[in-house]
Amino acid sequence: YAPWCPACQQIEATWESFAKESERLGITVGKVDVTQEPGLSGRFFVTTLPTIYHANDGVFRRYRGSRTLEDLQGYILERKWEAVEPVAGWKSPSSIMMHGMAGLFHFSGWIR
């Protein structure tokens, strides 16, 4: 997310409610300000905001569903994430390629 992003501001209350339910859901919920962490936005190749990822055992899946609290909870409780294609290995945030992309995002911020 970014603090200036209208779509991020719109989902913020829902995301906070989702985070409060995280222990019951057996997950950890977080958010990253891409203006403060450009390397992570590069590593995850964030091109739209907000961008939501589900990570489980080192496997990353991009969430593209509805952004209601019920749908976010259902994605976890009903294990809908299992039907979502994982991010390809070379595009995985833990890959060497995306590590390099993180470096480029850091460098571009330094240049700016």
N, C-alpha and C. Protein backbone atom coordinates (compact mmCIF):
# COMPACT_ATOMS: atom_id res chain seq x y z
N TYR A 1 0.83 -1.18 0.00
CA TYR A 1 0.00 0.00 0.00
C TYR A 1 0.88 1.24 0.00
N ALA A 2 0.26 2.36 -0.25
CA ALA A 2 0.94 3.65 -0.10
C ALA A 2 -0.05 4.59 0.58
N PRO A 3 0.42 5.44 1.48
CA PRO A 3 -0.49 6.31 2.22
C PRO A 3 -1.28 7.29 1.35
N TRP A 4 -0.75 7.62 0.18
CA TRP A 4 -1.43 8.57 -0.71
C TRP A 4 -2.43 7.89 -1.65
N CYS A 5 -2.49 6.57 -1.66
CA CYS A 5 -3.30 5.81 -2.61
C CYS A 5 -4.77 5.75 -2.18
N PRO A 6 -5.70 6.29 -3.00
CA PRO A 6 -7.13 6.27 -2.65
C PRO A 6 -7.68 4.85 -2.48
N ALA A 7 -7.28 3.92 -3.33
CA ALA A 7 -7.76 2.54 -3.22
C ALA A 7 -7.25 1.89 -1.93
N CYS A 8 -6.04 2.23 -1.53
CA CYS A 8 -5.47 1.70 -0.28
C CYS A 8 -6.22 2.28 0.92
N GLN A 9 -6.55 3.56 0.84
CA GLN A 9 -7.31 4.19 1.92
C GLN A 9 -8.69 3.57 2.03
N GLN A 10 -9.27 3.22 0.90
CA GLN A 10 -10.60 2.63 0.87
C GLN A 10 -10.64 1.25 1.53
N ILE A 11 -9.61 0.46 1.37
CA ILE A 11 -9.58 -0.90 1.93
C ILE A 11 -9.01 -0.93 3.35
N GLU A 12 -8.49 0.16 3.85
CA GLU A 12 -7.76 0.16 5.12
C GLU A 12 -8.59 -0.37 6.30
N ALA A 13 -9.83 0.05 6.45
CA ALA A 13 -10.65 -0.43 7.58
C ALA A 13 -10.91 -1.94 7.47
N THR A 14 -11.17 -2.40 6.26
CA THR A 14 -11.38 -3.83 6.04
C THR A 14 -10.11 -4.61 6.36
N TRP A 15 -8.97 -4.10 5.92
CA TRP A 15 -7.70 -4.77 6.16
C TRP A 15 -7.39 -4.84 7.65
N GLU A 16 -7.69 -3.78 8.38
CA GLU A 16 -7.46 -3.77 9.83
C GLU A 16 -8.36 -4.80 10.51
N SER A 17 -9.60 -4.93 10.07
CA SER A 17 -10.52 -5.94 10.62
C SER A 17 -10.00 -7.34 10.30
N PHE A 18 -9.51 -7.53 9.09
CA PHE A 18 -8.94 -8.81 8.67
C PHE A 18 -7.74 -9.15 9.56
N ALA A 19 -6.91 -8.17 9.84
CA ALA A 19 -5.73 -8.38 10.69
C ALA A 19 -6.15 -8.78 12.11
N LYS A 20 -7.23 -8.18 12.61
CA LYS A 20 -7.70 -8.53 13.95
C LYS A 20 -8.19 -9.97 14.03
N GLU A 21 -8.62 -10.52 12.91
CA GLU A 21 -9.10 -11.91 12.84
C GLU A 21 -7.96 -12.89 12.53
N SER A 22 -6.76 -12.39 12.36
CA SER A 22 -5.66 -13.23 11.89
C SER A 22 -5.36 -14.41 12.81
N GLU A 23 -5.39 -14.20 14.10
CA GLU A 23 -5.09 -15.31 15.01
C GLU A 23 -6.13 -16.42 14.88
N ARG A 24 -7.39 -16.04 14.80
CA ARG A 24 -8.46 -17.02 14.63
C ARG A 24 -8.31 -17.77 13.31
N LEU A 25 -7.84 -17.08 12.28
CA LEU A 25 -7.66 -17.68 10.97
C LEU A 25 -6.36 -18.48 10.85
N GLY A 26 -5.49 -18.34 11.82
CA GLY A 26 -4.22 -19.05 11.80
C GLY A 26 -3.22 -18.48 10.80
N ILE A 27 -3.27 -17.17 10.61
CA ILE A 27 -2.39 -16.50 9.64
C ILE A 27 -1.77 -15.26 10.27
N THR A 28 -0.84 -14.68 9.57
CA THR A 28 -0.27 -13.40 9.93
C THR A 28 -0.64 -12.43 8.82
N VAL A 29 -1.15 -11.28 9.20
CA VAL A 29 -1.56 -10.26 8.22
C VAL A 29 -0.69 -9.03 8.43
N GLY A 30 -0.19 -8.48 7.36
CA GLY A 30 0.63 -7.29 7.46
C GLY A 30 0.42 -6.38 6.28
N LYS A 31 1.05 -5.23 6.36
CA LYS A 31 1.02 -4.31 5.22
C LYS A 31 2.38 -3.63 5.14
N VAL A 32 2.74 -3.29 3.92
CA VAL A 32 4.03 -2.67 3.67
C VAL A 32 3.79 -1.38 2.89
N ASP A 33 4.35 -0.30 3.40
CA ASP A 33 4.29 0.99 2.72
C ASP A 33 5.38 1.00 1.64
N VAL A 34 4.98 0.93 0.38
CA VAL A 34 5.96 0.84 -0.70
C VAL A 34 6.78 2.12 -0.84
N THR A 35 6.30 3.23 -0.29
CA THR A 35 7.11 4.45 -0.34
C THR A 35 8.27 4.38 0.64
N GLN A 36 8.15 3.53 1.66
CA GLN A 36 9.21 3.35 2.65
C GLN A 36 10.07 2.11 2.37
N GLU A 37 9.52 1.17 1.60
CA GLU A 37 10.20 -0.09 1.32
C GLU A 37 10.24 -0.36 -0.20
N PRO A 38 10.96 0.46 -0.97
CA PRO A 38 10.97 0.28 -2.42
C PRO A 38 11.54 -1.07 -2.85
N GLY A 39 12.44 -1.63 -2.06
CA GLY A 39 13.00 -2.92 -2.41
C GLY A 39 11.95 -4.02 -2.42
N LEU A 40 11.03 -3.98 -1.47
CA LEU A 40 9.96 -4.98 -1.44
C LEU A 40 9.00 -4.80 -2.60
N SER A 41 8.73 -3.56 -2.97
CA SER A 41 7.84 -3.36 -4.12
C SER A 41 8.50 -3.88 -5.39
N GLY A 42 9.82 -3.79 -5.47
CA GLY A 42 10.54 -4.37 -6.60
C GLY A 42 10.56 -5.88 -6.55
N ARG A 43 10.80 -6.42 -5.37
CA ARG A 43 10.88 -7.87 -5.20
C ARG A 43 9.55 -8.54 -5.52
N PHE A 44 8.44 -7.88 -5.17
CA PHE A 44 7.11 -8.42 -5.45
C PHE A 44 6.54 -7.88 -6.76
N PHE A 45 7.31 -7.06 -7.46
CA PHE A 45 6.93 -6.45 -8.73
C PHE A 45 5.53 -5.82 -8.64
N VAL A 46 5.38 -4.94 -7.66
CA VAL A 46 4.11 -4.26 -7.43
C VAL A 46 3.94 -3.18 -8.49
N THR A 47 2.88 -3.33 -9.29
CA THR A 47 2.60 -2.35 -10.33
C THR A 47 1.25 -1.67 -10.12
N THR A 48 0.44 -2.22 -9.22
CA THR A 48 -0.85 -1.60 -8.87
C THR A 48 -1.00 -1.63 -7.36
N LEU A 49 -1.74 -0.68 -6.84
CA LEU A 49 -1.96 -0.60 -5.40
C LEU A 49 -3.45 -0.64 -5.10
N PRO A 50 -3.84 -1.25 -4.02
CA PRO A 50 -3.03 -2.13 -3.20
C PRO A 50 -2.85 -3.48 -3.87
N THR A 51 -1.76 -4.13 -3.59
CA THR A 51 -1.48 -5.47 -4.09
C THR A 51 -1.46 -6.41 -2.89
N ILE A 52 -2.18 -7.52 -2.99
CA ILE A 52 -2.29 -8.47 -1.88
C ILE A 52 -1.70 -9.81 -2.31
N TYR A 53 -0.81 -10.32 -1.46
CA TYR A 53 -0.22 -11.64 -1.69
C TYR A 53 -0.57 -12.56 -0.53
N HIS A 54 -0.71 -13.83 -0.85
CA HIS A 54 -0.84 -14.89 0.14
C HIS A 54 0.44 -15.71 0.04
N ALA A 55 1.10 -15.88 1.17
CA ALA A 55 2.33 -16.67 1.20
C ALA A 55 2.14 -17.83 2.17
N ASN A 56 2.52 -19.01 1.72
CA ASN A 56 2.42 -20.20 2.57
C ASN A 56 3.57 -21.13 2.21
N ASP A 57 4.39 -21.44 3.20
CA ASP A 57 5.54 -22.33 3.00
C ASP A 57 6.44 -21.90 1.85
N GLY A 58 6.67 -20.61 1.72
CA GLY A 58 7.55 -20.09 0.68
C GLY A 58 6.93 -20.01 -0.71
N VAL A 59 5.63 -20.31 -0.81
CA VAL A 59 4.92 -20.23 -2.09
C VAL A 59 4.04 -18.98 -2.06
N PHE A 60 4.17 -18.15 -3.09
CA PHE A 60 3.45 -16.88 -3.14
C PHE A 60 2.34 -16.94 -4.19
N ARG A 61 1.18 -16.43 -3.81
CA ARG A 61 0.05 -16.33 -4.73
C ARG A 61 -0.52 -14.92 -4.62
N ARG A 62 -0.83 -14.34 -5.76
CA ARG A 62 -1.41 -13.00 -5.75
C ARG A 62 -2.92 -13.12 -5.61
N TYR A 63 -3.46 -12.40 -4.64
CA TYR A 63 -4.91 -12.41 -4.40
C TYR A 63 -5.54 -11.37 -5.33
N ARG A 64 -6.52 -11.81 -6.09
CA ARG A 64 -7.20 -10.91 -7.03
C ARG A 64 -8.70 -10.88 -6.81
N GLY A 65 -9.15 -11.39 -5.67
CA GLY A 65 -10.58 -11.48 -5.39
C GLY A 65 -11.16 -10.18 -4.85
N SER A 66 -12.40 -10.29 -4.46
CA SER A 66 -13.10 -9.17 -3.86
C SER A 66 -12.41 -8.77 -2.56
N ARG A 67 -12.51 -7.52 -2.21
CA ARG A 67 -11.79 -7.02 -1.04
C ARG A 67 -12.72 -6.73 0.12
N THR A 68 -13.75 -7.57 0.26
CA THR A 68 -14.61 -7.47 1.44
C THR A 68 -14.01 -8.35 2.52
N LEU A 69 -14.35 -8.07 3.77
CA LEU A 69 -13.85 -8.87 4.87
C LEU A 69 -14.27 -10.33 4.72
N GLU A 70 -15.50 -10.55 4.33
CA GLU A 70 -16.02 -11.91 4.17
C GLU A 70 -15.24 -12.68 3.10
N ASP A 71 -14.94 -12.03 1.99
CA ASP A 71 -14.21 -12.70 0.91
C ASP A 71 -12.75 -12.96 1.28
N LEU A 72 -12.14 -12.04 1.98
CA LEU A 72 -10.76 -12.26 2.43
C LEU A 72 -10.71 -13.43 3.42
N GLN A 73 -11.65 -13.47 4.35
CA GLN A 73 -11.70 -14.57 5.30
C GLN A 73 -12.00 -15.89 4.59
N GLY A 74 -12.93 -15.87 3.65
CA GLY A 74 -13.28 -17.07 2.90
C GLY A 74 -12.11 -17.61 2.10
N TYR A 75 -11.28 -16.74 1.59
CA TYR A 75 -10.10 -17.14 0.83
C TYR A 75 -9.21 -18.04 1.69
N ILE A 76 -9.14 -17.71 2.99
CA ILE A 76 -8.32 -18.49 3.92
C ILE A 76 -9.09 -19.70 4.45
N LEU A 77 -10.27 -19.46 5.01
CA LEU A 77 -11.02 -20.53 5.66
C LEU A 77 -11.43 -21.64 4.71
N GLU A 78 -11.80 -21.25 3.48
CA GLU A 78 -12.23 -22.24 2.48
C GLU A 78 -11.07 -22.72 1.61
N ARG A 79 -9.87 -22.28 1.96
CA ARG A 79 -8.64 -22.66 1.26
C ARG A 79 -8.72 -22.40 -0.25
N LYS A 80 -9.36 -21.29 -0.61
CA LYS A 80 -9.48 -20.93 -2.02
C LYS A 80 -8.13 -20.65 -2.65
N TRP A 81 -7.15 -20.31 -1.83
CA TRP A 81 -5.82 -20.03 -2.33
C TRP A 81 -5.21 -21.25 -3.02
N GLU A 82 -5.67 -22.44 -2.66
CA GLU A 82 -5.12 -23.64 -3.30
C GLU A 82 -5.44 -23.71 -4.79
N ALA A 83 -6.50 -23.04 -5.22
CA ALA A 83 -6.90 -23.04 -6.63
C ALA A 83 -6.20 -21.93 -7.43
N VAL A 84 -5.42 -21.11 -6.76
CA VAL A 84 -4.73 -19.99 -7.41
C VAL A 84 -3.33 -20.43 -7.80
N GLU A 85 -2.98 -20.18 -9.05
CA GLU A 85 -1.64 -20.53 -9.55
C GLU A 85 -0.57 -19.74 -8.79
N PRO A 86 0.43 -20.42 -8.25
CA PRO A 86 1.51 -19.71 -7.57
C PRO A 86 2.29 -18.82 -8.54
N VAL A 87 2.93 -17.82 -7.98
CA VAL A 87 3.81 -16.95 -8.77
C VAL A 87 4.90 -17.83 -9.35
N ALA A 88 5.19 -17.67 -10.63
CA ALA A 88 6.22 -18.47 -11.31
C ALA A 88 7.55 -18.35 -10.57
N GLY A 89 8.32 -19.43 -10.59
CA GLY A 89 9.58 -19.48 -9.86
C GLY A 89 10.50 -18.30 -10.12
N TRP A 90 10.67 -17.91 -11.37
CA TRP A 90 11.59 -16.81 -11.67
C TRP A 90 11.05 -15.47 -11.21
N LYS A 91 9.70 -15.37 -11.04
CA LYS A 91 9.09 -14.12 -10.56
C LYS A 91 8.81 -14.16 -9.06
N SER A 92 9.15 -15.26 -8.41
CA SER A 92 8.92 -15.38 -6.97
C SER A 92 9.75 -14.34 -6.23
N PRO A 93 9.19 -13.71 -5.22
CA PRO A 93 9.95 -12.70 -4.47
C PRO A 93 11.25 -13.23 -3.88
N SER A 94 11.39 -14.54 -3.74
CA SER A 94 12.62 -15.10 -3.19
C SER A 94 13.64 -15.47 -4.27
N SER A 95 13.30 -15.25 -5.55
CA SER A 95 14.22 -15.62 -6.64
C SER A 95 15.35 -14.61 -6.79
N ILE A 96 16.40 -15.04 -7.43
CA ILE A 96 17.55 -14.16 -7.70
C ILE A 96 17.12 -13.00 -8.60
N MET A 97 16.28 -13.30 -9.58
CA MET A 97 15.80 -12.26 -10.50
C MET A 97 15.10 -11.13 -9.75
N MET A 98 14.20 -11.49 -8.82
CA MET A 98 13.46 -10.47 -8.11
C MET A 98 14.32 -9.80 -7.04
N HIS A 99 15.35 -10.48 -6.58
CA HIS A 99 16.32 -9.85 -5.68
C HIS A 99 17.01 -8.71 -6.44
N GLY A 100 17.36 -8.98 -7.68
CA GLY A 100 17.96 -7.94 -8.53
C GLY A 100 17.00 -6.79 -8.78
N MET A 101 15.72 -7.12 -8.99
CA MET A 101 14.70 -6.09 -9.21
C MET A 101 14.59 -5.19 -7.97
N ALA A 102 14.69 -5.79 -6.80
CA ALA A 102 14.66 -5.00 -5.56
C ALA A 102 15.81 -4.00 -5.54
N GLY A 103 16.98 -4.46 -5.97
CA GLY A 103 18.13 -3.57 -6.04
C GLY A 103 17.90 -2.41 -6.99
N LEU A 104 17.28 -2.69 -8.13
CA LEU A 104 16.97 -1.62 -9.09
C LEU A 104 16.00 -0.60 -8.50
N PHE A 105 15.00 -1.07 -7.77
CA PHE A 105 14.04 -0.15 -7.14
C PHE A 105 14.74 0.71 -6.08
N HIS A 106 15.65 0.12 -5.31
CA HIS A 106 16.42 0.90 -4.33
C HIS A 106 17.27 1.95 -5.05
N PHE A 107 17.94 1.53 -6.12
CA PHE A 107 18.81 2.43 -6.87
C PHE A 107 18.02 3.59 -7.47
N SER A 108 16.83 3.29 -8.03
CA SER A 108 16.04 4.36 -8.63
C SER A 108 15.58 5.36 -7.57
N GLY A 109 15.28 4.86 -6.36
CA GLY A 109 14.92 5.78 -5.27
C GLY A 109 16.09 6.65 -4.87
N TRP A 110 17.28 6.07 -4.87
CA TRP A 110 18.48 6.83 -4.53
C TRP A 110 18.73 7.92 -5.57
N ILE A 111 18.53 7.57 -6.86
CA ILE A 111 18.73 8.56 -7.93
C ILE A 111 17.74 9.71 -7.80
N ARG A 112 16.49 9.36 -7.50
CA ARG A 112 15.46 10.38 -7.35
C ARG A 112 15.83 11.33 -6.27
